[in-house]
Amino acid sequence: MKKWLILISITLVFLIPYVATQVVASDDSETQQNEETGLDKSKENGLDVIPTLADYLEHTKLSPMEDSADLIVVGTPTKDFTDREHKEIYNEDDKALMDFYTITNIKVRNIIKDKNNAVSNNTLDVIEPISVIEEEGTEKIITTDVYSYMKKDSTYVIFLKENTFGDYTVINLNGGKYDLSGKDEDDLRGYNSEKLLEFRPDKTEIKKKIFEEIKNSYKIDIQ
């Protein structure tokens, strides 16, 4: 069975917000993978989820994340995840997967910060660090760290930064978007396996604390 080895590299799409991952396939066992990375595969929409390790600027409080963001909006994805545009970038020489992302169209309901006047007609395309790839004829979800995608019809506060290509990407990985509707069961924890929780049990707690700060600071009507 193939596994995904994780090599840190500067991502092409997320060049400014953080350093993402390079993933390549090898023939070692899945059990060995879990021992090395602390990450377990789970399932979403019937597809295996492959988390990859990432080195990125992690915010543990609301204020520095607000300062880092170029754009903060309250919005709702307009399409199901499977209907969105998924992108993968491969090395031309060995065909190794170098980068991946999904373009998610957001209906903007409220603008909290818009440094560059990016929102037009109450809609915005944002880049999420997650995608769908095909391995040996089988589709799988591949994600950065434990990022879980934003769900259609759920409403989020989203922290975004403009990259060098003029696109807006979610910063702080899974800690860069917060479900206000209570419909997204994956949002708080992300695709966090029990093994990863043993490695970084503070991730979920940090997100809880920032969410409380958001509710107190923005006074958003949470439904």
Foldseek 3Di string as FASTA:
>chain_A
DKDWDWDWDAADQCNPFFTFIFIFIDDDDPVVVCVVPLDDWDDDPRATEAEHEGGGDADLAQVVLVVQFQWKFKWFFADAQVPWDKDWDADPPPRTTGAIWTWTKIQTDGTPHHNPPQDDPRIAIEIARKGWDADPRGIHIYGYHQADDGGGPWIKTAGWHQDPVRHTYGHNGLLGIDTLAPPDPCSLPGNQDPSVCVVPVCSSVSSVVNVVVCCVPVVDDRD
